[in-house]
Amino acid sequence: MATAHRIGGAAGEQVLALAREAFVHGMQYAAWAGTALLLGAAVLAAALLRGVGASAPAAAEPAGATGARAHEAAHN
């Protein structure tokens, strides 16, 4: 922007317009690249984590607890 102001006139305005256009183009490219990376990471995470929850061990119950069935039996 400083260079466009130093040039001045119509040429300076053209330099400024081209600089703004290049900036916007670069930001759009970066946004699309970031989107592609995030989608790739999501697909990779889904593939690597498939079935992890099903094979995780259940949390241990406190001593004396026998689960929901015992609770139901005690209250029926």
C-alpha atoms as a PDB file:
ATOM      1  CA  MET A   1       0.000   0.000   0.000  1.00  0.00           C
ATOM      2  CA  ALA A   2       2.859   2.355   0.748  1.00  0.00           C
ATOM      3  CA  THR A   3       4.296   1.789  -2.717  1.00  0.00           C
ATOM      4  CA  ALA A   4       0.919   2.507  -4.338  1.00  0.00           C
ATOM      5  CA  HIS A   5       0.706   5.780  -2.410  1.00  0.00           C
ATOM      6  CA  ARG A   6       4.254   6.734  -3.411  1.00  0.00           C
ATOM      7  CA  ILE A   7       3.510   6.049  -7.086  1.00  0.00           C
ATOM      8  CA  GLY A   8       0.275   8.028  -6.874  1.00  0.00           C
ATOM      9  CA  GLY A   9      -2.220   8.748  -9.614  1.00  0.00           C
ATOM     10  CA  ALA A  10      -3.869   6.131 -11.793  1.00  0.00           C
ATOM     11  CA  ALA A  11      -0.810   3.870 -11.732  1.00  0.00           C
ATOM     12  CA  GLY A  12      -0.845   3.860  -7.920  1.00  0.00           C
ATOM     13  CA  GLU A  13      -4.537   2.976  -7.899  1.00  0.00           C
ATOM     14  CA  GLN A  14      -3.861   0.066 -10.266  1.00  0.00           C
ATOM     15  CA  VAL A  15      -1.029  -1.206  -8.075  1.00  0.00           C
ATOM     16  CA  LEU A  16      -3.285  -0.959  -5.019  1.00  0.00           C
ATOM     17  CA  ALA A  17      -6.147  -2.792  -6.774  1.00  0.00           C
ATOM     18  CA  LEU A  18      -3.794  -5.563  -7.917  1.00  0.00           C
ATOM     19  CA  ALA A  19      -2.321  -5.901  -4.420  1.00  0.00           C
ATOM     20  CA  ARG A  20      -5.785  -6.236  -2.887  1.00  0.00           C
ATOM     21  CA  GLU A  21      -6.793  -8.793  -5.512  1.00  0.00           C
ATOM     22  CA  ALA A  22      -3.636 -10.819  -4.890  1.00  0.00           C
ATOM     23  CA  PHE A  23      -4.260 -10.731  -1.123  1.00  0.00           C
ATOM     24  CA  VAL A  24      -7.846 -11.946  -1.494  1.00  0.00           C
ATOM     25  CA  HIS A  25      -6.762 -14.664  -3.927  1.00  0.00           C
ATOM     26  CA  GLY A  26      -4.088 -15.836  -1.476  1.00  0.00           C
ATOM     27  CA  MET A  27      -6.570 -15.909   1.406  1.00  0.00           C
ATOM     28  CA  GLN A  28      -9.039 -17.938  -0.663  1.00  0.00           C
ATOM     29  CA  TYR A  29      -6.303 -20.411  -1.562  1.00  0.00           C
ATOM     30  CA  ALA A  30      -5.303 -20.717   2.101  1.00  0.00           C
ATOM     31  CA  ALA A  31      -8.932 -21.262   3.130  1.00  0.00           C
ATOM     32  CA  TRP A  32      -9.411 -24.057   0.566  1.00  0.00           C
ATOM     33  CA  ALA A  33      -6.111 -25.674   1.554  1.00  0.00           C
ATOM     34  CA  GLY A  34      -7.105 -25.543   5.234  1.00  0.00           C
ATOM     35  CA  THR A  35     -10.491 -27.045   4.425  1.00  0.00           C
ATOM     36  CA  ALA A  36      -8.873 -29.908   2.538  1.00  0.00           C
ATOM     37  CA  LEU A  37      -6.461 -30.578   5.414  1.00  0.00           C
ATOM     38  CA  LEU A  38      -9.246 -30.582   7.994  1.00  0.00           C
ATOM     39  CA  LEU A  39     -11.412 -32.917   5.937  1.00  0.00           C
ATOM     40  CA  GLY A  40      -8.459 -35.238   5.417  1.00  0.00           C
ATOM     41  CA  ALA A  41      -7.731 -35.235   9.145  1.00  0.00           C
ATOM     42  CA  ALA A  42     -11.382 -35.993   9.925  1.00  0.00           C
ATOM     43  CA  VAL A  43     -11.424 -38.945   7.531  1.00  0.00           C
ATOM     44  CA  LEU A  44      -8.132 -40.239   8.918  1.00  0.00           C
ATOM     45  CA  ALA A  45      -9.354 -39.901  12.514  1.00  0.00           C
ATOM     46  CA  ALA A  46     -12.591 -41.710  11.690  1.00  0.00           C
ATOM     47  CA  ALA A  47     -10.683 -44.540  10.021  1.00  0.00           C
ATOM     48  CA  LEU A  48      -8.137 -44.914  12.820  1.00  0.00           C
ATOM     49  CA  LEU A  49     -10.669 -44.661  15.641  1.00  0.00           C
ATOM     50  CA  ARG A  50     -13.249 -47.003  14.135  1.00  0.00           C
ATOM     51  CA  GLY A  51     -14.271 -49.535  16.767  1.00  0.00           C
ATOM     52  CA  VAL A  52     -12.120 -48.081  19.577  1.00  0.00           C
ATOM     53  CA  GLY A  53     -15.133 -47.499  21.841  1.00  0.00           C
ATOM     54  CA  ALA A  54     -16.392 -51.066  21.397  1.00  0.00           C
ATOM     55  CA  SER A  55     -13.147 -52.643  22.608  1.00  0.00           C
ATOM     56  CA  ALA A  56     -12.560 -50.333  25.579  1.00  0.00           C
ATOM     57  CA  PRO A  57     -12.821 -52.105  28.945  1.00  0.00           C
ATOM     58  CA  ALA A  58     -15.780 -51.241  31.143  1.00  0.00           C
ATOM     59  CA  ALA A  59     -15.161 -49.158  34.243  1.00  0.00           C
ATOM     60  CA  ALA A  60     -14.867 -51.179  37.437  1.00  0.00           C
ATOM     61  CA  GLU A  61     -17.852 -51.004  39.776  1.00  0.00           C
ATOM     62  CA  PRO A  62     -17.318 -50.018  43.404  1.00  0.00           C
ATOM     63  CA  ALA A  63     -17.058 -52.805  45.990  1.00  0.00           C
ATOM     64  CA  GLY A  64     -20.447 -54.234  46.897  1.00  0.00           C
ATOM     65  CA  ALA A  65     -22.167 -52.917  43.792  1.00  0.00           C
ATOM     66  CA  THR A  66     -23.613 -55.459  41.429  1.00  0.00           C
ATOM     67  CA  GLY A  67     -25.025 -53.205  38.765  1.00  0.00           C
ATOM     68  CA  ALA A  68     -28.415 -51.969  37.698  1.00  0.00           C
ATOM     69  CA  ARG A  69     -30.147 -55.333  38.121  1.00  0.00           C
ATOM     70  CA  ALA A  70     -29.306 -55.454  41.823  1.00  0.00           C
ATOM     71  CA  HIS A  71     -30.558 -51.906  42.202  1.00  0.00           C
ATOM     72  CA  GLU A  72     -33.843 -52.790  40.490  1.00  0.00           C
ATOM     73  CA  ALA A  73     -34.242 -55.952  42.608  1.00  0.00           C
ATOM     74  CA  ALA A  74     -33.653 -54.041  45.817  1.00  0.00           C
ATOM     75  CA  HIS A  75     -36.350 -51.537  44.984  1.00  0.00           C
ATOM     76  CA  ASN A  76     -38.971 -53.979  43.685  1.00  0.00           C
END
